[in-house]
């Protein structure tokens, strides 16, 4: 949910994909993220990365070995 500085709600987004891109509205001041259970018996949340797509990401500079380990963990291969 995106809000203006005065607390007025601008937009609500329901994200069902693993990876999305969206344009943050210029008049948005804050946001709230909620994990919602849609009938799941189990929800495993690993992480969320929020970043400006125009700024070089710090997680892209991780060494190759660490990056491979993270990918293995991400796919339950460890």
PDB file of N, CA and C in Angstrom:
ATOM      1  N   UNK A   1       0.858  -1.165   0.000  1.00  0.00           N
ATOM      2  CA  UNK A   1       0.000   0.000   0.000  1.00  0.00           C
ATOM      3  C   UNK A   1       0.906   1.229   0.000  1.00  0.00           C
ATOM      4  N   UNK A   2       0.659   2.160  -0.913  1.00  0.00           N
ATOM      5  CA  UNK A   2       1.442   3.390  -1.017  1.00  0.00           C
ATOM      6  C   UNK A   2       0.631   4.561  -0.480  1.00  0.00           C
ATOM      7  N   UNK A   3       1.313   5.446   0.251  1.00  0.00           N
ATOM      8  CA  UNK A   3       0.643   6.571   0.902  1.00  0.00           C
ATOM      9  C   UNK A   3       1.303   7.900   0.545  1.00  0.00           C
ATOM     10  N   UNK A   4       0.495   8.968   0.530  1.00  0.00           N
ATOM     11  CA  UNK A   4       1.009  10.330   0.420  1.00  0.00           C
ATOM     12  C   UNK A   4       1.535  10.756   1.788  1.00  0.00           C
ATOM     13  N   UNK A   5       2.197  11.896   1.847  1.00  0.00           N
ATOM     14  CA  UNK A   5       2.758  12.394   3.105  1.00  0.00           C
ATOM     15  C   UNK A   5       1.674  12.641   4.153  1.00  0.00           C
ATOM     16  N   UNK A   6       0.466  13.013   3.706  1.00  0.00           N
ATOM     17  CA  UNK A   6      -0.631  13.282   4.638  1.00  0.00           C
ATOM     18  C   UNK A   6      -1.350  12.007   5.089  1.00  0.00           C
ATOM     19  N   UNK A   7      -0.865  10.838   4.651  1.00  0.00           N
ATOM     20  CA  UNK A   7      -1.456   9.568   5.052  1.00  0.00           C
ATOM     21  C   UNK A   7      -2.518   9.045   4.103  1.00  0.00           C
ATOM     22  N   UNK A   8      -2.868   9.840   3.100  1.00  0.00           N
ATOM     23  CA  UNK A   8      -3.868   9.408   2.126  1.00  0.00           C
ATOM     24  C   UNK A   8      -3.317   8.258   1.287  1.00  0.00           C
ATOM     25  N   UNK A   9      -4.118   7.225   1.133  1.00  0.00           N
ATOM     26  CA  UNK A   9      -3.702   6.054   0.366  1.00  0.00           C
ATOM     27  C   UNK A   9      -3.718   6.380  -1.125  1.00  0.00           C
ATOM     28  N   UNK A  10      -2.618   6.064  -1.804  1.00  0.00           N
ATOM     29  CA  UNK A  10      -2.506   6.310  -3.243  1.00  0.00           C
ATOM     30  C   UNK A  10      -2.865   5.060  -4.034  1.00  0.00           C
ATOM     31  N   UNK A  11      -2.297   3.933  -3.619  1.00  0.00           N
ATOM     32  CA  UNK A  11      -2.412   2.727  -4.437  1.00  0.00           C
ATOM     33  C   UNK A  11      -2.231   1.491  -3.571  1.00  0.00           C
ATOM     34  N   UNK A  12      -2.976   0.452  -3.898  1.00  0.00           N
ATOM     35  CA  UNK A  12      -2.799  -0.858  -3.280  1.00  0.00           C
ATOM     36  C   UNK A  12      -2.386  -1.830  -4.374  1.00  0.00           C
ATOM     37  N   UNK A  13      -1.362  -2.619  -4.097  1.00  0.00           N
ATOM     38  CA  UNK A  13      -0.886  -3.600  -5.075  1.00  0.00           C
ATOM     39  C   UNK A  13      -0.941  -4.979  -4.450  1.00  0.00           C
ATOM     40  N   UNK A  14      -1.430  -5.949  -5.197  1.00  0.00           N
ATOM     41  CA  UNK A  14      -1.375  -7.346  -4.780  1.00  0.00           C
ATOM     42  C   UNK A  14      -0.389  -8.023  -5.718  1.00  0.00           C
ATOM     43  N   UNK A  15       0.696  -8.508  -5.154  1.00  0.00           N
ATOM     44  CA  UNK A  15       1.782  -9.083  -5.948  1.00  0.00           C
ATOM     45  C   UNK A  15       1.746 -10.594  -5.798  1.00  0.00           C
ATOM     46  N   UNK A  16       1.640 -11.277  -6.914  1.00  0.00           N
ATOM     47  CA  UNK A  16       1.572 -12.737  -6.895  1.00  0.00           C
ATOM     48  C   UNK A  16       2.760 -13.378  -7.599  1.00  0.00           C
ATOM     49  N   UNK A  17       3.685 -12.560  -8.103  1.00  0.00           N
ATOM     50  CA  UNK A  17       4.865 -13.068  -8.798  1.00  0.00           C
ATOM     51  C   UNK A  17       6.074 -13.030  -7.876  1.00  0.00           C
ATOM     52  N   UNK A  18       7.115 -13.772  -8.243  1.00  0.00           N
ATOM     53  CA  UNK A  18       8.347 -13.797  -7.454  1.00  0.00           C
ATOM     54  C   UNK A  18       9.159 -12.518  -7.614  1.00  0.00           C
ATOM     55  N   UNK A  19       9.053 -11.882  -8.766  1.00  0.00           N
ATOM     56  CA  UNK A  19       9.892 -10.733  -9.071  1.00  0.00           C
ATOM     57  C   UNK A  19       9.056  -9.728  -9.859  1.00  0.00           C
ATOM     58  N   UNK A  20       8.991  -8.504  -9.378  1.00  0.00           N
ATOM     59  CA  UNK A  20       8.223  -7.484 -10.095  1.00  0.00           C
ATOM     60  C   UNK A  20       9.000  -6.186 -10.160  1.00  0.00           C
ATOM     61  N   UNK A  21       8.629  -5.342 -11.084  1.00  0.00           N
ATOM     62  CA  UNK A  21       9.124  -3.979 -11.163  1.00  0.00           C
ATOM     63  C   UNK A  21       7.912  -3.076 -11.265  1.00  0.00           C
ATOM     64  N   UNK A  22       7.948  -1.951 -10.567  1.00  0.00           N
ATOM     65  CA  UNK A  22       6.888  -0.969 -10.704  1.00  0.00           C
ATOM     66  C   UNK A  22       7.466   0.410 -10.463  1.00  0.00           C
ATOM     67  N   UNK A  23       6.782   1.405 -10.974  1.00  0.00           N
ATOM     68  CA  UNK A  23       7.230   2.782 -10.804  1.00  0.00           C
ATOM     69  C   UNK A  23       6.623   3.359  -9.539  1.00  0.00           C
ATOM     70  N   UNK A  24       7.490   3.804  -8.637  1.00  0.00           N
ATOM     71  CA  UNK A  24       7.059   4.404  -7.376  1.00  0.00           C
ATOM     72  C   UNK A  24       6.492   5.783  -7.689  1.00  0.00           C
ATOM     73  N   UNK A  25       5.234   6.038  -7.353  1.00  0.00           N
ATOM     74  CA  UNK A  25       4.616   7.328  -7.687  1.00  0.00           C
ATOM     75  C   UNK A  25       5.376   8.504  -7.072  1.00  0.00           C
ATOM     76  N   UNK A  26       5.471   9.604  -7.817  1.00  0.00           N
ATOM     77  CA  UNK A  26       6.212  10.780  -7.341  1.00  0.00           C
ATOM     78  C   UNK A  26       5.619  11.350  -6.062  1.00  0.00           C
ATOM     79  N   UNK A  27       4.297  11.242  -5.890  1.00  0.00           N
ATOM     80  CA  UNK A  27       3.669  11.810  -4.693  1.00  0.00           C
ATOM     81  C   UNK A  27       3.609  10.822  -3.527  1.00  0.00           C
ATOM     82  N   UNK A  28       4.212   9.636  -3.702  1.00  0.00           N
ATOM     83  CA  UNK A  28       4.238   8.651  -2.613  1.00  0.00           C
ATOM     84  C   UNK A  28       5.306   9.046  -1.598  1.00  0.00           C
ATOM     85  N   UNK A  29       4.956   8.915  -0.323  1.00  0.00           N
ATOM     86  CA  UNK A  29       5.865   9.279   0.760  1.00  0.00           C
ATOM     87  C   UNK A  29       6.288   8.047   1.554  1.00  0.00           C
ATOM     88  N   UNK A  30       5.373   7.087   1.684  1.00  0.00           N
ATOM     89  CA  UNK A  30       5.673   5.882   2.458  1.00  0.00           C
ATOM     90  C   UNK A  30       4.899   4.703   1.877  1.00  0.00           C
ATOM     91  N   UNK A  31       5.246   3.521   2.361  1.00  0.00           N
ATOM     92  CA  UNK A  31       4.559   2.316   1.918  1.00  0.00           C
ATOM     93  C   UNK A  31       4.469   1.336   3.072  1.00  0.00           C
ATOM     94  N   UNK A  32       3.555   0.381   2.949  1.00  0.00           N
ATOM     95  CA  UNK A  32       3.395  -0.680   3.941  1.00  0.00           C
ATOM     96  C   UNK A  32       3.323  -1.997   3.180  1.00  0.00           C
ATOM     97  N   UNK A  33       4.070  -2.979   3.638  1.00  0.00           N
ATOM     98  CA  UNK A  33       4.072  -4.304   3.019  1.00  0.00           C
ATOM     99  C   UNK A  33       3.414  -5.275   3.983  1.00  0.00           C
ATOM    100  N   UNK A  34       2.485  -6.060   3.482  1.00  0.00           N
ATOM    101  CA  UNK A  34       1.807  -7.066   4.293  1.00  0.00           C
ATOM    102  C   UNK A  34       1.937  -8.421   3.613  1.00  0.00           C
ATOM    103  N   UNK A  35       2.272  -9.449   4.384  1.00  0.00           N
ATOM    104  CA  UNK A  35       2.239 -10.821   3.889  1.00  0.00           C
ATOM    105  C   UNK A  35       0.877 -11.378   4.240  1.00  0.00           C
ATOM    106  N   UNK A  36       0.168 -11.835   3.236  1.00  0.00           N
ATOM    107  CA  UNK A  36      -1.191 -12.309   3.469  1.00  0.00           C
ATOM    108  C   UNK A  36      -1.285 -13.801   3.175  1.00  0.00           C
ATOM    109  N   UNK A  37      -1.964 -14.504   4.027  1.00  0.00           N
ATOM    110  CA  UNK A  37      -2.171 -15.937   3.871  1.00  0.00           C
ATOM    111  C   UNK A  37      -3.436 -16.151   3.055  1.00  0.00           C
ATOM    112  N   UNK A  38      -3.273 -16.731   1.879  1.00  0.00           N
ATOM    113  CA  UNK A  38      -4.413 -16.983   0.996  1.00  0.00           C
ATOM    114  C   UNK A  38      -4.787 -18.465   1.052  1.00  0.00           C
ATOM    115  N   UNK A  39      -4.982 -18.978   2.254  1.00  0.00           N
ATOM    116  CA  UNK A  39      -5.362 -20.375   2.413  1.00  0.00           C
ATOM    117  C   UNK A  39      -4.190 -21.330   2.542  1.00  0.00           C
ATOM    118  N   UNK A  40      -2.979 -20.790   2.657  1.00  0.00           N
ATOM    119  CA  UNK A  40      -1.814 -21.656   2.808  1.00  0.00           C
ATOM    120  C   UNK A  40      -1.802 -22.287   4.194  1.00  0.00           C
ATOM    121  N   UNK A  41      -1.314 -23.503   4.271  1.00  0.00           N
ATOM    122  CA  UNK A  41      -1.073 -24.152   5.553  1.00  0.00           C
ATOM    123  C   UNK A  41       0.297 -23.724   6.090  1.00  0.00           C
ATOM    124  N   UNK A  42       1.201 -23.366   5.158  1.00  0.00           N
ATOM    125  CA  UNK A  42       2.576 -23.030   5.528  1.00  0.00           C
ATOM    126  C   UNK A  42       3.066 -21.923   4.598  1.00  0.00           C
ATOM    127  N   UNK A  43       3.716 -20.927   5.157  1.00  0.00           N
ATOM    128  CA  UNK A  43       4.293 -19.845   4.371  1.00  0.00           C
ATOM    129  C   UNK A  43       5.739 -19.682   4.801  1.00  0.00           C
ATOM    130  N   UNK A  44       6.655 -19.844   3.864  1.00  0.00           N
ATOM    131  CA  UNK A  44       8.077 -19.686   4.163  1.00  0.00           C
ATOM    132  C   UNK A  44       8.563 -18.424   3.451  1.00  0.00           C
ATOM    133  N   UNK A  45       8.902 -17.419   4.227  1.00  0.00           N
ATOM    134  CA  UNK A  45       9.361 -16.146   3.685  1.00  0.00           C
ATOM    135  C   UNK A  45      10.859 -16.059   3.890  1.00  0.00           C
ATOM    136  N   UNK A  46      11.592 -15.855   2.818  1.00  0.00           N
ATOM    137  CA  UNK A  46      13.049 -15.798   2.912  1.00  0.00           C
ATOM    138  C   UNK A  46      13.568 -14.371   2.981  1.00  0.00           C
ATOM    139  N   UNK A  47      13.184 -13.538   2.036  1.00  0.00           N
ATOM    140  CA  UNK A  47      13.664 -12.161   2.049  1.00  0.00           C
ATOM    141  C   UNK A  47      12.929 -11.341   1.001  1.00  0.00           C
ATOM    142  N   UNK A  48      13.099 -10.050   1.123  1.00  0.00           N
ATOM    143  CA  UNK A  48      12.571  -9.116   0.139  1.00  0.00           C
ATOM    144  C   UNK A  48      13.653  -8.082  -0.116  1.00  0.00           C
ATOM    145  N   UNK A  49      13.833  -7.733  -1.358  1.00  0.00           N
ATOM    146  CA  UNK A  49      14.810  -6.712  -1.723  1.00  0.00           C
ATOM    147  C   UNK A  49      14.049  -5.594  -2.421  1.00  0.00           C
ATOM    148  N   UNK A  50      14.149  -4.403  -1.869  1.00  0.00           N
ATOM    149  CA  UNK A  50      13.536  -3.228  -2.471  1.00  0.00           C
ATOM    150  C   UNK A  50      14.674  -2.298  -2.840  1.00  0.00           C
ATOM    151  N   UNK A  51      14.768  -1.962  -4.123  1.00  0.00           N
ATOM    152  CA  UNK A  51      15.873  -1.126  -4.552  1.00  0.00           C
ATOM    153  C   UNK A  51      15.485  -0.308  -5.770  1.00  0.00           C
ATOM    154  N   UNK A  52      16.181   0.778  -5.958  1.00  0.00           N
ATOM    155  CA  UNK A  52      16.009   1.616  -7.136  1.00  0.00           C
ATOM    156  C   UNK A  52      16.693   0.911  -8.294  1.00  0.00           C
ATOM    157  N   UNK A  53      15.970   0.678  -9.372  1.00  0.00           N
ATOM    158  CA  UNK A  53      16.568  -0.041 -10.490  1.00  0.00           C
ATOM    159  C   UNK A  53      17.647   0.768 -11.201  1.00  0.00           C
ATOM    160  N   UNK A  54      17.718   2.069 -10.944  1.00  0.00           N
ATOM    161  CA  UNK A  54      18.726   2.925 -11.571  1.00  0.00           C
ATOM    162  C   UNK A  54      20.006   3.032 -10.757  1.00  0.00           C
ATOM    163  N   UNK A  55      20.036   2.416  -9.585  1.00  0.00           N
ATOM    164  CA  UNK A  55      21.217   2.442  -8.726  1.00  0.00           C
ATOM    165  C   UNK A  55      21.820   1.042  -8.706  1.00  0.00           C
ATOM    166  N   UNK A  56      23.130   0.951  -8.892  1.00  0.00           N
ATOM    167  CA  UNK A  56      23.786  -0.353  -8.892  1.00  0.00           C
ATOM    168  C   UNK A  56      23.535  -1.038  -7.558  1.00  0.00           C
ATOM    169  N   UNK A  57      23.039  -2.250  -7.618  1.00  0.00           N
ATOM    170  CA  UNK A  57      22.674  -2.992  -6.421  1.00  0.00           C
ATOM    171  C   UNK A  57      23.906  -3.525  -5.701  1.00  0.00           C
ATOM    172  N   UNK A  58      23.929  -3.366  -4.380  1.00  0.00           N
ATOM    173  CA  UNK A  58      25.054  -3.879  -3.594  1.00  0.00           C
ATOM    174  C   UNK A  58      25.060  -5.394  -3.574  1.00  0.00           C
ATOM    175  N   UNK A  59      23.869  -6.038  -3.705  1.00  0.00           N
ATOM    176  CA  UNK A  59      23.875  -7.498  -3.666  1.00  0.00           C
ATOM    177  C   UNK A  59      24.410  -8.089  -4.964  1.00  0.00           C
ATOM    178  N   UNK A  60      24.586  -7.289  -6.005  1.00  0.00           N
ATOM    179  CA  UNK A  60      25.183  -7.785  -7.245  1.00  0.00           C
ATOM    180  C   UNK A  60      26.703  -7.816  -7.164  1.00  0.00           C
ATOM    181  N   UNK A  61      27.270  -7.189  -6.146  1.00  0.00           N
ATOM    182  CA  UNK A  61      28.721  -7.163  -6.002  1.00  0.00           C
ATOM    183  C   UNK A  61      29.232  -8.270  -5.085  1.00  0.00           C
ATOM    184  N   UNK A  62      28.349  -9.147  -4.641  1.00  0.00           N
ATOM    185  CA  UNK A  62      28.747 -10.263  -3.781  1.00  0.00           C
ATOM    186  C   UNK A  62      29.642 -11.203  -4.582  1.00  0.00           C
ATOM    187  N   UNK A  63      30.655 -11.759  -3.938  1.00  0.00           N
ATOM    188  CA  UNK A  63      31.550 -12.664  -4.650  1.00  0.00           C
ATOM    189  C   UNK A  63      30.784 -13.854  -5.213  1.00  0.00           C
ATOM    190  N   UNK A  64      31.322 -14.454  -6.258  1.00  0.00           N
ATOM    191  CA  UNK A  64      30.664 -15.557  -6.953  1.00  0.00           C
ATOM    192  C   UNK A  64      30.373 -16.722  -6.020  1.00  0.00           C
ATOM    193  N   UNK A  65      31.313 -17.091  -5.142  1.00  0.00           N
ATOM    194  CA  UNK A  65      31.110 -18.221  -4.235  1.00  0.00           C
ATOM    195  C   UNK A  65      29.928 -17.978  -3.302  1.00  0.00           C
ATOM    196  N   UNK A  66      29.860 -16.796  -2.729  1.00  0.00           N
ATOM    197  CA  UNK A  66      28.753 -16.473  -1.826  1.00  0.00           C
ATOM    198  C   UNK A  66      27.442 -16.459  -2.599  1.00  0.00           C
ATOM    199  N   UNK A  67      27.477 -15.910  -3.802  1.00  0.00           N
ATOM    200  CA  UNK A  67      26.275 -15.853  -4.640  1.00  0.00           C
ATOM    201  C   UNK A  67      25.768 -17.259  -4.962  1.00  0.00           C
ATOM    202  N   UNK A  68      26.675 -18.179  -5.273  1.00  0.00           N
ATOM    203  CA  UNK A  68      26.278 -19.566  -5.557  1.00  0.00           C
ATOM    204  C   UNK A  68      25.676 -20.216  -4.321  1.00  0.00           C
ATOM    205  N   UNK A  69      26.254 -19.965  -3.155  1.00  0.00           N
ATOM    206  CA  UNK A  69      25.719 -20.509  -1.904  1.00  0.00           C
ATOM    207  C   UNK A  69      24.320 -19.975  -1.644  1.00  0.00           C
ATOM    208  N   UNK A  70      24.125 -18.683  -1.851  1.00  0.00           N
ATOM    209  CA  UNK A  70      22.798 -18.089  -1.662  1.00  0.00           C
ATOM    210  C   UNK A  70      21.793 -18.740  -2.600  1.00  0.00           C
ATOM    211  N   UNK A  71      22.179 -18.971  -3.856  1.00  0.00           N
ATOM    212  CA  UNK A  71      21.279 -19.630  -4.806  1.00  0.00           C
ATOM    213  C   UNK A  71      20.932 -21.044  -4.362  1.00  0.00           C
ATOM    214  N   UNK A  72      21.906 -21.772  -3.804  1.00  0.00           N
ATOM    215  CA  UNK A  72      21.635 -23.121  -3.310  1.00  0.00           C
ATOM    216  C   UNK A  72      20.654 -23.079  -2.149  1.00  0.00           C
ATOM    217  N   UNK A  73      20.853 -22.140  -1.242  1.00  0.00           N
ATOM    218  CA  UNK A  73      19.935 -21.989  -0.108  1.00  0.00           C
ATOM    219  C   UNK A  73      18.550 -21.637  -0.624  1.00  0.00           C
ATOM    220  N   UNK A  74      18.488 -20.734  -1.582  1.00  0.00           N
ATOM    221  CA  UNK A  74      17.226 -20.285  -2.155  1.00  0.00           C
ATOM    222  C   UNK A  74      16.446 -21.461  -2.748  1.00  0.00           C
ATOM    223  N   UNK A  75      17.158 -22.444  -3.292  1.00  0.00           N
ATOM    224  CA  UNK A  75      16.506 -23.591  -3.924  1.00  0.00           C
ATOM    225  C   UNK A  75      16.563 -24.852  -3.057  1.00  0.00           C
ATOM    226  N   UNK A  76      16.788 -24.674  -1.754  1.00  0.00           N
ATOM    227  CA  UNK A  76      16.820 -25.776  -0.784  1.00  0.00           C
ATOM    228  C   UNK A  76      17.792 -26.882  -1.176  1.00  0.00           C
ATOM    229  N   UNK A  77      18.953 -26.511  -1.686  1.00  0.00           N
ATOM    230  CA  UNK A  77      19.955 -27.490  -2.105  1.00  0.00           C
ATOM    231  C   UNK A  77      21.091 -27.617  -1.095  1.00  0.00           C
ATOM    232  N   UNK A  78      20.974 -26.974   0.046  1.00  0.00           N
ATOM    233  CA  UNK A  78      22.042 -27.030   1.056  1.00  0.00           C
ATOM    234  C   UNK A  78      21.619 -27.965   2.159  1.00  0.00           C
TER     235      UNK A  78
END
